[in-house]
């Protein structure tokens, strides 16, 4: 499979590379490149001014960015749930603390750079405290094409590619099917009239990462998006996307995931599977009707493991969001996903969120478990930087011929500079 995918990767055109999650404002939105608020708002919650500091000297610029997230997770379980995954303890967590430096070098031919490190990274392994999140440069290959070299996100799954801190739901649920960051090349191209789509192709090898001992091999990934319907004057649009990921293996693969809480145990876990690799594919859709949006995604993993029957795993979710004061998540045409809610009124933008998710790691001889989760939550986007959230989750876990129940309550404080 890699022999077929590699020529496609090297021969494709790629474009504007997805920017860090700490960007304050969307770029390349459905409304154009202008900031959605013409004048600064005097928010009721104290905050720093909206301008972002920038140091620039000729052909060099640097912009610092800081992301801080704090959570408190509460758990309630029945006896079967405790027997399946152990007792889940309610506790506080510094969910993420990320410092990033972004900028460019050069005048005519500008090379962009990004350096980011964090504690308990939003996109990283919850069992790892400190990590180097991003270390990359981006080279322009034309007006709509760019090549990113270094450590960055793989191009698979809207949940992963999009801004984690800006999604309606506080935590992802499809984590068994993607890795957060990987080291290699990403070629991105913005295509179509009025930049209506993106094509991203990546070639990554985690053995290139600093401090790793992995020799798993090369992953190949790709994502194609299209803004198939767009009414900028009413903030209505429909985004569709498809993605694939060819996964390398050192002889074993493992799929596991937490049910929407970073401090929870891995409710679903296949353990180490004897596998030569896997092929993942997925589809995504985002329908935005002014201040009402629906985001859905489905992914599947076909594992190349003849000894255990070549199992197939899958997961999907549907999320509904209603911003009561009329704001919307502006769509960014340069990266193919929606950005942050920018409140327009003094008292911010309250949002109601409903999500249903189903992730199944059971097939053939593998019983990694299946969880179904429903979330009901609310976010308050108090300023362009502050967000406060609360979400109740009801989780049913089917594993080892037993069904267990766990209820969760997640509270979050978020500040992005």
Protein backbone atom coordinates (compact mmCIF):
# COMPACT_ATOMS: atom_id res chain seq x y z
CA UNK A 1 0.00 0.00 0.00
CA UNK A 2 2.81 2.42 0.84
CA UNK A 3 4.34 1.92 -2.62
CA UNK A 4 1.07 3.21 -4.10
CA UNK A 5 0.56 6.08 -1.68
CA UNK A 6 4.06 7.53 -1.71
CA UNK A 7 4.08 8.64 -5.39
CA UNK A 8 0.72 10.32 -4.83
CA UNK A 9 2.13 12.17 -1.85
CA UNK A 10 5.25 13.38 -3.65
CA UNK A 11 3.39 14.38 -6.78
CA UNK A 12 0.53 16.29 -5.17
CA UNK A 13 0.08 19.97 -4.63
CA UNK A 14 -0.47 21.03 -1.12
CA UNK A 15 -1.39 24.91 0.96
CA UNK A 16 -1.87 27.08 3.95
CA UNK A 17 -0.88 24.89 6.85
CA UNK A 18 -3.15 24.63 9.87
CA UNK A 19 -2.12 27.17 12.44
CA UNK A 20 -1.80 26.64 16.15
CA UNK A 21 -4.86 26.31 18.35
CA UNK A 22 -3.77 29.41 20.23
CA UNK A 23 -4.53 31.76 17.35
CA UNK A 24 -6.95 34.35 18.65
CA UNK A 25 -8.77 35.12 15.42
CA UNK A 26 -9.80 33.03 12.40
CA UNK A 27 -8.09 33.57 9.08
CA UNK A 28 -9.53 33.03 5.62
CA UNK A 29 -13.09 32.82 6.94
CA UNK A 30 -16.24 32.50 4.91
CA UNK A 31 -16.66 36.23 5.46
CA UNK A 32 -13.16 37.00 4.16
CA UNK A 33 -9.97 37.76 6.06
CA UNK A 34 -11.36 40.58 8.18
CA UNK A 35 -11.82 40.21 11.93
CA UNK A 36 -15.50 39.47 12.60
CA UNK A 37 -15.71 42.33 15.15
CA UNK A 38 -15.11 45.79 13.68
CA UNK A 39 -14.41 47.46 17.04
CA UNK A 40 -13.23 45.98 20.37
CA UNK A 41 -15.95 44.96 22.83
CA UNK A 42 -15.91 46.08 26.46
CA UNK A 43 -16.47 42.63 27.96
CA UNK A 44 -17.86 42.28 31.47
CA UNK A 45 -15.12 39.78 32.34
CA UNK A 46 -11.73 41.52 32.63
CA UNK A 47 -9.23 40.49 29.99
CA UNK A 48 -6.21 41.72 28.09
CA UNK A 49 -6.76 43.95 25.04
CA UNK A 50 -7.50 42.10 21.79
CA UNK A 51 -4.29 43.04 20.03
CA UNK A 52 -1.56 40.40 20.02
CA UNK A 53 1.98 41.59 20.77
CA UNK A 54 4.42 41.17 17.96
CA UNK A 55 8.13 41.83 17.74
CA UNK A 56 9.35 42.46 14.22
CA UNK A 57 12.69 43.56 12.84
CA UNK A 58 12.89 43.65 9.07
CA UNK A 59 12.55 40.10 7.82
CA UNK A 60 11.94 38.54 11.23
CA UNK A 61 8.82 38.37 13.41
CA UNK A 62 7.93 36.54 16.61
CA UNK A 63 4.60 36.18 18.40
CA UNK A 64 4.21 34.40 21.74
CA UNK A 65 1.06 32.47 22.59
CA UNK A 66 -0.14 30.85 25.79
CA UNK A 67 -2.90 28.28 26.36
CA UNK A 68 -4.12 27.45 29.89
CA UNK A 69 -6.88 24.95 30.68
CA UNK A 70 -8.01 23.75 34.09
CA UNK A 71 -10.51 20.93 34.69
CA UNK A 72 -12.34 19.28 37.52
CA UNK A 73 -13.84 15.87 36.73
CA UNK A 74 -16.49 14.15 38.86
CA UNK A 75 -17.40 10.44 38.47
CA UNK A 76 -20.30 8.24 39.59
CA UNK A 77 -20.25 4.50 38.76
CA UNK A 78 -22.36 1.44 39.31
CA UNK A 79 -20.81 -1.78 40.57
CA UNK A 80 -20.35 -3.21 37.08
CA UNK A 81 -18.57 -0.06 35.95
CA UNK A 82 -16.15 -0.25 38.87
CA UNK A 83 -15.47 -3.92 38.15
CA UNK A 84 -14.70 -3.15 34.50
CA UNK A 85 -12.35 -0.17 34.78
CA UNK A 86 -11.71 0.35 38.48
CA UNK A 87 -12.90 3.21 40.63
CA UNK A 88 -12.66 6.56 38.86
CA UNK A 89 -11.71 9.29 41.32
CA UNK A 90 -12.96 12.87 41.07
CA UNK A 91 -10.10 15.36 40.89
CA UNK A 92 -8.64 18.60 39.57
CA UNK A 93 -6.20 18.68 36.69
CA UNK A 94 -4.16 21.29 34.90
CA UNK A 95 -5.48 20.03 31.59
CA UNK A 96 -2.97 21.88 29.44
CA UNK A 97 -0.38 24.63 29.69
CA UNK A 98 1.19 25.42 26.33
CA UNK A 99 3.66 28.10 25.36
CA UNK A 100 4.17 28.71 21.64
CA UNK A 101 6.39 30.97 19.57
CA UNK A 102 5.26 31.70 16.02
CA UNK A 103 6.59 33.99 13.34
CA UNK A 104 8.44 34.18 10.07
CA UNK A 105 11.92 34.73 8.65
CA UNK A 106 12.58 36.51 5.37
CA UNK A 107 10.94 39.26 3.32
CA UNK A 108 9.94 38.18 -0.18
CA UNK A 109 10.25 34.44 0.48
CA UNK A 110 8.85 34.14 4.01
CA UNK A 111 9.53 30.97 5.97
CA UNK A 112 7.12 30.55 8.86
CA UNK A 113 8.10 28.74 12.04
CA UNK A 114 6.36 27.30 15.08
CA UNK A 115 7.82 26.10 18.38
CA UNK A 116 5.55 24.87 21.17
CA UNK A 117 6.00 22.94 24.37
CA UNK A 118 3.41 22.08 26.99
CA UNK A 119 2.47 20.35 30.20
CA UNK A 120 -0.31 17.74 29.94
CA UNK A 121 -0.80 18.58 26.30
CA UNK A 122 -4.30 18.76 24.90
CA UNK A 123 -3.21 16.59 21.98
CA UNK A 124 -0.75 14.32 23.74
CA UNK A 125 -0.67 11.10 25.71
CA UNK A 126 -2.35 11.74 29.11
CA UNK A 127 0.30 9.56 30.73
CA UNK A 128 3.04 11.99 29.63
CA UNK A 129 3.46 15.25 31.56
CA UNK A 130 5.89 17.34 29.49
CA UNK A 131 6.28 17.24 25.74
CA UNK A 132 7.52 19.14 22.73
CA UNK A 133 4.29 19.69 20.85
CA UNK A 134 5.33 21.52 17.68
CA UNK A 135 8.67 22.13 16.05
CA UNK A 136 8.32 22.96 12.37
CA UNK A 137 8.91 25.38 9.54
CA UNK A 138 6.56 26.13 6.64
CA UNK A 139 7.83 26.86 3.14
CA UNK A 140 5.65 28.69 0.56
CA UNK A 141 5.43 26.81 -2.74
CA UNK A 142 3.03 29.21 -4.43
CA UNK A 143 0.07 31.35 -3.54
CA UNK A 144 -2.04 28.45 -2.26
CA UNK A 145 0.53 25.74 -1.61
CA UNK A 146 2.84 25.24 1.37
CA UNK A 147 5.14 22.54 2.67
CA UNK A 148 5.48 22.01 6.40
CA UNK A 149 8.59 20.24 7.70
CA UNK A 150 8.98 19.01 11.27
CA UNK A 151 6.71 17.97 14.11
CA UNK A 152 3.03 18.84 13.64
CA UNK A 153 -0.43 17.28 13.42
CA UNK A 154 -1.21 14.43 11.06
CA UNK A 155 -4.01 15.16 8.62
CA UNK A 156 -6.66 12.76 9.89
CA UNK A 157 -10.00 13.30 11.68
CA UNK A 158 -11.74 16.65 12.17
CA UNK A 159 -11.50 16.22 15.96
CA UNK A 160 -7.71 16.07 15.68
CA UNK A 161 -7.05 18.51 12.85
CA UNK A 162 -9.38 21.17 14.25
CA UNK A 163 -8.69 23.41 17.21
CA UNK A 164 -9.26 21.17 20.23
CA UNK A 165 -9.93 24.05 22.62
CA UNK A 166 -12.50 25.54 20.25
CA UNK A 167 -14.67 22.48 19.59
CA UNK A 168 -18.18 22.52 21.12
CA UNK A 169 -17.44 19.44 23.26
CA UNK A 170 -14.63 19.73 25.78
CA UNK A 171 -12.93 16.40 25.02
CA UNK A 172 -12.48 14.26 21.94
CA UNK A 173 -13.88 10.73 21.72
CA UNK A 174 -12.19 9.28 18.60
CA UNK A 175 -8.68 9.29 20.10
CA UNK A 176 -8.09 5.53 19.51
CA UNK A 177 -7.86 6.22 15.78
CA UNK A 178 -5.28 9.02 15.52
CA UNK A 179 -2.01 10.26 16.99
CA UNK A 180 -1.67 13.85 18.03
CA UNK A 181 1.64 14.95 16.59
CA UNK A 182 4.17 13.25 14.35
CA UNK A 183 7.41 14.25 12.61
CA UNK A 184 7.74 14.47 8.84
CA UNK A 185 6.28 16.40 5.91
CA UNK A 186 2.86 17.91 5.27
CA UNK A 187 1.87 19.32 1.90
CA UNK A 188 -1.28 21.45 1.92
CA UNK A 189 -3.12 23.01 -0.99
CA UNK A 190 -6.14 25.33 -0.91
CA UNK A 191 -8.13 24.68 -4.07
CA UNK A 192 -11.14 25.87 -6.03
CA UNK A 193 -12.67 29.28 -6.71
CA UNK A 194 -12.81 31.41 -3.58
CA UNK A 195 -10.70 28.81 -1.74
CA UNK A 196 -13.55 26.36 -1.31
CA UNK A 197 -11.48 23.31 -0.39
CA UNK A 198 -8.23 21.94 1.03
CA UNK A 199 -6.05 18.95 0.19
CA UNK A 200 -3.50 17.81 2.76
CA UNK A 201 -1.05 14.94 2.36
CA UNK A 202 1.47 13.86 4.97
CA UNK A 203 4.40 11.49 5.38
CA UNK A 204 5.48 10.96 9.01
CA UNK A 205 7.82 8.76 11.01
CA UNK A 206 7.81 8.98 14.81
CA UNK A 207 11.37 7.62 14.96
CA UNK A 208 12.43 11.09 13.76
CA UNK A 209 11.01 12.67 16.90
CA UNK A 210 13.44 14.00 19.50
CA UNK A 211 14.00 11.59 22.37
CA UNK A 212 12.06 8.65 20.94
CA UNK A 213 13.21 5.07 20.56
CA UNK A 214 10.43 4.05 18.17
CA UNK A 215 11.15 2.38 14.86
CA UNK A 216 7.53 1.89 13.83
CA UNK A 217 8.05 3.21 10.31
CA UNK A 218 6.28 5.67 8.03
CA UNK A 219 2.65 6.74 8.36
CA UNK A 220 0.91 8.21 5.32
CA UNK A 221 -2.16 10.39 5.75
CA UNK A 222 -4.43 12.58 3.67
CA UNK A 223 -7.48 14.81 4.05
CA UNK A 224 -9.70 16.36 1.40
CA UNK A 225 -12.29 19.00 2.31
CA UNK A 226 -14.85 21.02 0.39
CA UNK A 227 -17.12 23.92 1.27
CA UNK A 228 -19.96 22.60 -0.85
CA UNK A 229 -22.55 25.20 0.20
CA UNK A 230 -21.89 28.69 1.46
CA UNK A 231 -24.05 31.74 2.22
CA UNK A 232 -21.64 34.22 3.84
CA UNK A 233 -24.29 36.90 4.32
CA UNK A 234 -26.25 34.58 6.65
CA UNK A 235 -23.34 32.55 8.14
CA UNK A 236 -24.75 29.37 6.58
CA UNK A 237 -22.43 26.74 5.12
CA UNK A 238 -21.90 23.00 4.65
CA UNK A 239 -18.45 21.49 4.96
CA UNK A 240 -17.68 17.91 3.86
CA UNK A 241 -14.45 16.00 4.21
CA UNK A 242 -12.80 12.62 3.81
CA UNK A 243 -9.49 11.35 5.17
CA UNK A 244 -7.24 8.28 5.27
CA UNK A 245 -4.30 7.13 7.34
CA UNK A 246 -1.98 4.21 6.52
CA UNK A 247 -0.48 3.14 9.85
CA UNK A 248 2.94 1.54 10.19
CA UNK A 249 3.73 -1.10 12.81
CA UNK A 250 6.69 -2.54 14.71
CA UNK A 251 4.81 -5.84 14.82
CA UNK A 252 2.06 -4.78 17.20
CA UNK A 253 -0.63 -2.08 17.34
CA UNK A 254 -2.81 -0.95 20.21
CA UNK A 255 -6.13 0.90 20.22
CA UNK A 256 -7.39 2.49 23.42
CA UNK A 257 -9.33 5.50 24.54
CA UNK A 258 -10.90 7.45 27.37
CA UNK A 259 -14.59 8.33 27.28
CA UNK A 260 -14.39 12.11 27.15
CA UNK A 261 -12.32 12.75 30.29
CA UNK A 262 -8.56 13.07 30.41
CA UNK A 263 -8.28 11.76 33.99
CA UNK A 264 -10.39 8.65 33.37
CA UNK A 265 -8.94 5.22 32.73
CA UNK A 266 -8.86 3.75 29.25
CA UNK A 267 -12.40 2.37 29.17
CA UNK A 268 -11.75 0.67 25.83
CA UNK A 269 -8.43 -1.05 25.16
CA UNK A 270 -7.48 -3.80 22.74
CA UNK A 271 -4.09 -4.43 24.34
CA UNK A 272 -1.13 -5.12 22.05
CA UNK A 273 -2.34 -6.77 18.84
CA UNK A 274 0.01 -8.73 16.53
CA UNK A 275 -0.32 -6.58 13.40
CA UNK A 276 1.64 -5.63 10.30
CA UNK A 277 -0.15 -2.28 10.00
CA UNK A 278 -3.60 -0.79 9.54
CA UNK A 279 -5.59 1.40 7.20
CA UNK A 280 -7.91 4.07 8.63
CA UNK A 281 -10.47 6.10 6.76
CA UNK A 282 -13.12 8.56 7.81
CA UNK A 283 -15.75 11.06 6.75
CA UNK A 284 -16.78 14.35 8.33
CA UNK A 285 -19.55 16.92 7.89
CA UNK A 286 -20.25 20.30 9.45
CA UNK A 287 -23.55 22.07 8.78
CA UNK A 288 -23.74 25.62 10.12
CA UNK A 289 -27.03 27.55 10.11
CA UNK A 290 -26.10 30.90 11.61
CA UNK A 291 -25.84 30.18 15.35
CA UNK A 292 -26.92 26.52 15.08
CA UNK A 293 -24.42 23.87 13.95
CA UNK A 294 -24.19 20.10 13.56
CA UNK A 295 -20.84 18.34 13.43
CA UNK A 296 -20.57 14.63 12.64
CA UNK A 297 -17.74 12.24 11.98
CA UNK A 298 -17.25 8.50 11.34
CA UNK A 299 -13.93 6.64 11.27
CA UNK A 300 -12.95 3.03 10.70
CA UNK A 301 -9.74 1.06 11.22
CA UNK A 302 -8.97 -2.11 9.25
CA UNK A 303 -6.12 -3.87 11.04
CA UNK A 304 -3.74 -6.04 9.03
CA UNK A 305 -3.59 -8.89 11.55
CA UNK A 306 -4.28 -12.31 9.94
CA UNK A 307 -3.51 -14.20 13.15
CA UNK A 308 -6.56 -12.66 14.85
CA UNK A 309 -8.89 -12.37 11.86
CA UNK A 310 -8.02 -8.87 10.55
CA UNK A 311 -10.37 -7.04 12.93
CA UNK A 312 -12.16 -3.82 12.01
CA UNK A 313 -12.91 -1.12 14.60
CA UNK A 314 -15.05 1.99 14.24
CA UNK A 315 -16.28 5.10 15.97
CA UNK A 316 -18.61 8.00 15.31
CA UNK A 317 -20.24 10.99 16.94
CA UNK A 318 -22.76 13.73 16.23
CA UNK A 319 -22.58 17.08 18.02
CA UNK A 320 -25.19 19.82 18.06
CA UNK A 321 -24.38 23.38 19.12
CA UNK A 322 -26.66 26.39 19.70
CA UNK A 323 -25.10 29.78 20.52
CA UNK A 324 -27.90 31.68 22.22
CA UNK A 325 -26.70 35.20 21.42
CA UNK A 326 -26.41 34.60 17.67
CA UNK A 327 -22.65 34.22 17.16
CA UNK A 328 -21.20 31.50 14.94
CA UNK A 329 -17.94 29.62 14.55
CA UNK A 330 -16.40 31.28 11.48
CA UNK A 331 -15.18 28.83 8.87
CA UNK A 332 -11.50 29.05 7.96
CA UNK A 333 -10.98 28.27 4.28
CA UNK A 334 -7.21 28.01 4.68
CA UNK A 335 -7.42 24.95 6.93
CA UNK A 336 -10.86 23.43 6.30
CA UNK A 337 -12.51 23.73 9.72
CA UNK A 338 -14.35 26.20 11.94
CA UNK A 339 -12.52 28.45 14.37
CA UNK A 340 -13.30 30.00 17.74
CA UNK A 341 -16.52 31.67 18.85
CA UNK A 342 -15.87 35.43 19.02
CA UNK A 343 -18.50 36.98 21.36
CA UNK A 344 -19.98 40.23 20.06
CA UNK A 345 -21.70 41.46 23.22
CA UNK A 346 -20.50 42.67 26.60
CA UNK A 347 -21.77 39.54 28.38
CA UNK A 348 -20.17 37.08 25.98
CA UNK A 349 -21.75 34.19 24.10
CA UNK A 350 -23.47 31.29 25.91
CA UNK A 351 -23.60 27.99 24.02
CA UNK A 352 -25.60 24.79 24.58
CA UNK A 353 -24.04 21.52 23.41
CA UNK A 354 -25.44 18.01 22.87
CA UNK A 355 -23.32 15.09 21.67
CA UNK A 356 -23.78 11.35 21.13
CA UNK A 357 -20.74 9.12 20.53
CA UNK A 358 -20.22 5.40 19.88
CA UNK A 359 -16.74 3.82 19.75
CA UNK A 360 -16.43 0.06 19.22
CA UNK A 361 -13.13 -1.84 19.57
CA UNK A 362 -14.68 -5.31 19.34
CA UNK A 363 -14.36 -7.59 16.33
CA UNK A 364 -13.24 -11.13 15.49
CA UNK A 365 -11.07 -12.36 18.40
CA UNK A 366 -10.64 -8.92 19.98
CA UNK A 367 -12.79 -7.57 22.80
CA UNK A 368 -11.46 -4.09 23.45
CA UNK A 369 -14.88 -2.91 24.57
CA UNK A 370 -17.50 -0.53 23.25
CA UNK A 371 -18.65 2.67 24.88
CA UNK A 372 -21.63 4.83 24.05
CA UNK A 373 -21.70 8.30 25.53
CA UNK A 374 -24.20 11.13 25.57
CA UNK A 375 -23.11 14.62 26.65
CA UNK A 376 -25.21 17.61 27.64
CA UNK A 377 -23.22 20.75 28.28
CA UNK A 378 -22.89 24.50 28.18
CA UNK A 379 -20.05 26.85 27.28
CA UNK A 380 -19.74 30.53 28.10
CA UNK A 381 -17.41 32.33 25.72
CA UNK A 382 -16.91 35.29 28.03
CA UNK A 383 -14.31 37.14 25.94
CA UNK A 384 -12.12 36.41 22.95
CA UNK A 385 -9.84 34.50 25.36
CA UNK A 386 -11.89 33.29 28.34
CA UNK A 387 -14.18 30.27 28.13
CA UNK A 388 -15.99 28.50 30.97
CA UNK A 389 -17.63 25.14 30.37
CA UNK A 390 -19.58 22.40 32.09
CA UNK A 391 -20.67 19.05 30.63
CA UNK A 392 -22.55 16.06 32.02
CA UNK A 393 -21.79 12.72 30.39
CA UNK A 394 -23.55 9.35 30.62
CA UNK A 395 -21.36 6.42 29.53
CA UNK A 396 -22.39 2.80 28.91
CA UNK A 397 -19.49 0.37 28.54
CA UNK A 398 -19.95 -3.10 27.05
CA UNK A 399 -16.91 -5.27 27.75
CA UNK A 400 -16.25 -8.84 28.89
CA UNK A 401 -19.96 -9.70 28.55
CA UNK A 402 -20.84 -6.99 31.08
CA UNK A 403 -22.45 -3.56 30.79
CA UNK A 404 -21.23 -0.92 33.21
CA UNK A 405 -22.40 2.65 33.74
CA UNK A 406 -20.36 5.73 34.53
CA UNK A 407 -21.65 9.28 34.84
CA UNK A 408 -19.25 12.20 34.58
CA UNK A 409 -19.35 15.93 35.19
CA UNK A 410 -16.55 17.99 33.66
CA UNK A 411 -15.99 21.66 34.50
CA UNK A 412 -13.44 23.72 32.58
CA UNK A 413 -11.76 27.11 32.74
CA UNK A 414 -9.88 28.11 29.59
CA UNK A 415 -7.75 31.12 28.70
CA UNK A 416 -5.95 31.52 25.38
CA UNK A 417 -3.54 34.35 24.62
